[in-house]
Each structure stands twice: as structure tokens, then as C-alpha cells.
């Protein structure tokens, strides 16, 4: 029985070895299209830690400034150094976009009307 199990495992190795390159290929496709990635899920571990809400009106009492939104945060539409998947939007595209990248949530898009604990005013 052990030999049969070992043979099954060995036959699956090429597929297991190919999975990382398949995943990297998809990431490269997204980067070449200028996409930062998928929308940030509020249930993401970092999003929970930062109390991120896609709708700032649903944010915790920590959001004392009622004018605080992702779109007027100094980290919105800014990429982390070395993040090849992130492309900041130009002013025209940013005005039309419902979401953009954020320095805090690498590879994810945040809602322009969202909020998190790291919010800092522009300027």
C-alpha cells in the first residue's frame, strides 16, 4: 500500500511544481494590464486589523472626522516602492474611478468612499 501511495505522489509532482509558475503568470498578466488587483475584502486579515470599511459611513467611532475618505487620504492612489503590480491612476482616470490602489493594502484596490485607521489627510 505504501508503494502505491508513493507512486501516486510522484506522479503528481510535475503538477505541483507547475502551480507557482501558473500563479505568477496570472499576476504578470494583471500587471501588464495596469491592474493593481482585486478589490480589498473587508474580511481580509489586514483589512480587519486596519478596521477598513468600503463605505466610510459604516466605519467605527474611530472615524471622528466625517470628511475622512480613502479618496482624500495621502496613501490613496500611491504605490509602495518595488510594487510592480501597482500603477497609480492619472487625474482623469482617478476622477472617474470608484477604487484605486493604497500603500497600506499592497496589490488590492480600495473603494474611494472607504476608510481605515491609517487615514491621513492629503498635504
C-alpha atoms as a PDB file:
ATOM      1  CA  UNK A   1       0.000   0.000   0.000  1.00  0.00           C
ATOM      2  CA  UNK A   2       2.826   2.398   0.770  1.00  0.00           C
ATOM      3  CA  UNK A   3       4.356   1.865  -2.663  1.00  0.00           C
ATOM      4  CA  UNK A   4       1.072   2.688  -4.435  1.00  0.00           C
ATOM      5  CA  UNK A   5       0.704   5.862  -2.359  1.00  0.00           C
ATOM      6  CA  UNK A   6       4.293   6.851  -3.189  1.00  0.00           C
ATOM      7  CA  UNK A   7       3.710   6.314  -6.919  1.00  0.00           C
ATOM      8  CA  UNK A   8       0.585   8.494  -6.831  1.00  0.00           C
ATOM      9  CA  UNK A   9       2.508  11.237  -5.075  1.00  0.00           C
ATOM     10  CA  UNK A  10       5.399  11.061  -7.529  1.00  0.00           C
ATOM     11  CA  UNK A  11       3.025  11.265 -10.494  1.00  0.00           C
ATOM     12  CA  UNK A  12       1.504  14.471  -9.046  1.00  0.00           C
ATOM     13  CA  UNK A  13       4.855  16.245  -8.565  1.00  0.00           C
ATOM     14  CA  UNK A  14       5.010  17.860 -12.048  1.00  0.00           C
ATOM     15  CA  UNK A  15       1.594  19.425 -11.482  1.00  0.00           C
ATOM     16  CA  UNK A  16       2.534  20.651  -8.004  1.00  0.00           C
ATOM     17  CA  UNK A  17       5.778  22.116  -9.376  1.00  0.00           C
ATOM     18  CA  UNK A  18       3.858  23.984 -12.113  1.00  0.00           C
ATOM     19  CA  UNK A  19       1.367  25.706  -9.786  1.00  0.00           C
ATOM     20  CA  UNK A  20       3.635  28.602  -8.688  1.00  0.00           C
ATOM     21  CA  UNK A  21       4.543  29.450 -12.288  1.00  0.00           C
ATOM     22  CA  UNK A  22       0.858  29.386 -13.286  1.00  0.00           C
ATOM     23  CA  UNK A  23       0.026  31.778 -10.453  1.00  0.00           C
ATOM     24  CA  UNK A  24       2.929  34.080 -11.383  1.00  0.00           C
ATOM     25  CA  UNK A  25       1.775  34.094 -14.986  1.00  0.00           C
ATOM     26  CA  UNK A  26      -1.645  35.382 -13.919  1.00  0.00           C
ATOM     27  CA  UNK A  27      -0.051  38.070 -11.750  1.00  0.00           C
ATOM     28  CA  UNK A  28       2.119  39.196 -14.670  1.00  0.00           C
ATOM     29  CA  UNK A  29      -0.959  39.429 -16.924  1.00  0.00           C
ATOM     30  CA  UNK A  30      -2.688  41.697 -14.403  1.00  0.00           C
ATOM     31  CA  UNK A  31       0.441  43.833 -14.016  1.00  0.00           C
ATOM     32  CA  UNK A  32       0.776  44.238 -17.772  1.00  0.00           C
ATOM     33  CA  UNK A  33      -2.825  45.466 -17.936  1.00  0.00           C
ATOM     34  CA  UNK A  34      -2.060  48.051 -15.259  1.00  0.00           C
ATOM     35  CA  UNK A  35      -4.337  46.445 -12.695  1.00  0.00           C
ATOM     36  CA  UNK A  36      -3.445  46.675  -9.036  1.00  0.00           C
ATOM     37  CA  UNK A  37      -5.524  43.633  -8.246  1.00  0.00           C
ATOM     38  CA  UNK A  38      -8.856  42.732  -6.807  1.00  0.00           C
ATOM     39  CA  UNK A  39     -10.948  44.856  -4.500  1.00  0.00           C
ATOM     40  CA  UNK A  40      -9.939  44.625  -0.869  1.00  0.00           C
ATOM     41  CA  UNK A  41     -12.274  42.390   1.095  1.00  0.00           C
ATOM     42  CA  UNK A  42     -13.327  43.788   4.475  1.00  0.00           C
ATOM     43  CA  UNK A  43     -12.741  40.286   5.894  1.00  0.00           C
ATOM     44  CA  UNK A  44      -9.081  40.277   4.809  1.00  0.00           C
ATOM     45  CA  UNK A  45      -6.794  39.926   7.851  1.00  0.00           C
ATOM     46  CA  UNK A  46      -5.040  43.263   7.304  1.00  0.00           C
ATOM     47  CA  UNK A  47      -8.327  44.993   6.429  1.00  0.00           C
ATOM     48  CA  UNK A  48      -9.806  43.814   9.718  1.00  0.00           C
ATOM     49  CA  UNK A  49      -6.743  44.966  11.644  1.00  0.00           C
ATOM     50  CA  UNK A  50      -6.992  48.387   9.997  1.00  0.00           C
ATOM     51  CA  UNK A  51     -10.804  48.458  10.506  1.00  0.00           C
ATOM     52  CA  UNK A  52     -11.225  49.038   6.746  1.00  0.00           C
ATOM     53  CA  UNK A  53     -14.736  49.705   5.528  1.00  0.00           C
ATOM     54  CA  UNK A  54     -15.571  50.124   1.834  1.00  0.00           C
ATOM     55  CA  UNK A  55     -18.315  52.521   2.957  1.00  0.00           C
ATOM     56  CA  UNK A  56     -16.837  55.019   5.416  1.00  0.00           C
ATOM     57  CA  UNK A  57     -20.261  55.737   6.913  1.00  0.00           C
ATOM     58  CA  UNK A  58     -20.130  52.187   8.354  1.00  0.00           C
ATOM     59  CA  UNK A  59     -16.724  52.741   9.968  1.00  0.00           C
ATOM     60  CA  UNK A  60     -16.177  52.581  13.712  1.00  0.00           C
ATOM     61  CA  UNK A  61     -16.301  55.500  16.111  1.00  0.00           C
ATOM     62  CA  UNK A  62     -12.552  55.882  15.453  1.00  0.00           C
ATOM     63  CA  UNK A  63     -13.552  57.790  12.297  1.00  0.00           C
ATOM     64  CA  UNK A  64     -14.155  61.050  14.138  1.00  0.00           C
ATOM     65  CA  UNK A  65     -13.513  63.183  11.047  1.00  0.00           C
ATOM     66  CA  UNK A  66     -16.642  62.804   8.919  1.00  0.00           C
ATOM     67  CA  UNK A  67     -14.737  64.171   5.915  1.00  0.00           C
ATOM     68  CA  UNK A  68     -12.256  61.277   6.056  1.00  0.00           C
ATOM     69  CA  UNK A  69     -12.467  59.012   2.998  1.00  0.00           C
ATOM     70  CA  UNK A  70      -9.904  56.976   1.079  1.00  0.00           C
ATOM     71  CA  UNK A  71     -10.047  59.422  -1.849  1.00  0.00           C
ATOM     72  CA  UNK A  72      -8.731  62.249   0.347  1.00  0.00           C
ATOM     73  CA  UNK A  73      -6.093  60.168   2.116  1.00  0.00           C
ATOM     74  CA  UNK A  74      -2.390  60.689   1.449  1.00  0.00           C
ATOM     75  CA  UNK A  75      -1.967  56.923   0.876  1.00  0.00           C
ATOM     76  CA  UNK A  76      -4.711  56.625  -1.785  1.00  0.00           C
ATOM     77  CA  UNK A  77      -3.587  56.067  -5.378  1.00  0.00           C
ATOM     78  CA  UNK A  78       0.017  55.725  -4.154  1.00  0.00           C
ATOM     79  CA  UNK A  79       2.097  52.593  -4.644  1.00  0.00           C
ATOM     80  CA  UNK A  80       4.610  51.010  -2.326  1.00  0.00           C
ATOM     81  CA  UNK A  81       8.208  51.111  -3.553  1.00  0.00           C
ATOM     82  CA  UNK A  82       9.016  47.986  -5.524  1.00  0.00           C
ATOM     83  CA  UNK A  83       5.372  47.012  -6.180  1.00  0.00           C
ATOM     84  CA  UNK A  84       5.431  46.175  -9.891  1.00  0.00           C
ATOM     85  CA  UNK A  85       1.706  45.322  -9.905  1.00  0.00           C
ATOM     86  CA  UNK A  86       0.659  48.805  -8.838  1.00  0.00           C
ATOM     87  CA  UNK A  87       0.081  51.635 -11.307  1.00  0.00           C
ATOM     88  CA  UNK A  88      -1.259  54.944  -9.950  1.00  0.00           C
ATOM     89  CA  UNK A  89      -4.120  56.389 -11.984  1.00  0.00           C
ATOM     90  CA  UNK A  90      -3.747  59.726 -13.760  1.00  0.00           C
ATOM     91  CA  UNK A  91      -6.020  62.586 -12.633  1.00  0.00           C
ATOM     92  CA  UNK A  92      -8.689  61.976 -15.291  1.00  0.00           C
ATOM     93  CA  UNK A  93      -8.920  58.244 -14.594  1.00  0.00           C
ATOM     94  CA  UNK A  94      -8.840  58.827 -10.842  1.00  0.00           C
ATOM     95  CA  UNK A  95     -11.792  61.218 -11.047  1.00  0.00           C
ATOM     96  CA  UNK A  96     -13.886  58.508 -12.763  1.00  0.00           C
ATOM     97  CA  UNK A  97     -12.643  55.525 -10.750  1.00  0.00           C
ATOM     98  CA  UNK A  98     -14.602  54.031  -7.867  1.00  0.00           C
ATOM     99  CA  UNK A  99     -11.421  52.454  -6.460  1.00  0.00           C
ATOM    100  CA  UNK A 100      -7.646  52.804  -6.599  1.00  0.00           C
ATOM    101  CA  UNK A 101      -4.525  51.360  -5.032  1.00  0.00           C
ATOM    102  CA  UNK A 102      -3.411  52.083  -1.491  1.00  0.00           C
ATOM    103  CA  UNK A 103       0.028  51.980   0.117  1.00  0.00           C
ATOM    104  CA  UNK A 104      -1.346  50.032   3.066  1.00  0.00           C
ATOM    105  CA  UNK A 105      -3.041  47.224   1.127  1.00  0.00           C
ATOM    106  CA  UNK A 106      -0.439  46.138  -1.417  1.00  0.00           C
ATOM    107  CA  UNK A 107      -1.929  44.613  -4.553  1.00  0.00           C
ATOM    108  CA  UNK A 108      -5.527  45.467  -3.641  1.00  0.00           C
ATOM    109  CA  UNK A 109      -7.902  48.214  -4.673  1.00  0.00           C
ATOM    110  CA  UNK A 110      -9.746  50.213  -2.031  1.00  0.00           C
ATOM    111  CA  UNK A 111     -13.070  51.965  -2.500  1.00  0.00           C
ATOM    112  CA  UNK A 112     -12.760  55.712  -2.916  1.00  0.00           C
ATOM    113  CA  UNK A 113     -15.505  56.202  -0.301  1.00  0.00           C
ATOM    114  CA  UNK A 114     -13.831  53.790   2.097  1.00  0.00           C
ATOM    115  CA  UNK A 115     -11.883  54.412   5.308  1.00  0.00           C
ATOM    116  CA  UNK A 116      -9.308  52.713   7.570  1.00  0.00           C
ATOM    117  CA  UNK A 117      -7.361  53.504  10.741  1.00  0.00           C
ATOM    118  CA  UNK A 118      -4.360  54.653   8.723  1.00  0.00           C
ATOM    119  CA  UNK A 119      -6.247  57.550   7.093  1.00  0.00           C
ATOM    120  CA  UNK A 120      -4.161  60.720   6.858  1.00  0.00           C
ATOM    121  CA  UNK A 121      -5.256  63.917   5.138  1.00  0.00           C
ATOM    122  CA  UNK A 122      -3.502  64.923   1.926  1.00  0.00           C
ATOM    123  CA  UNK A 123      -0.930  67.640   2.384  1.00  0.00           C
END
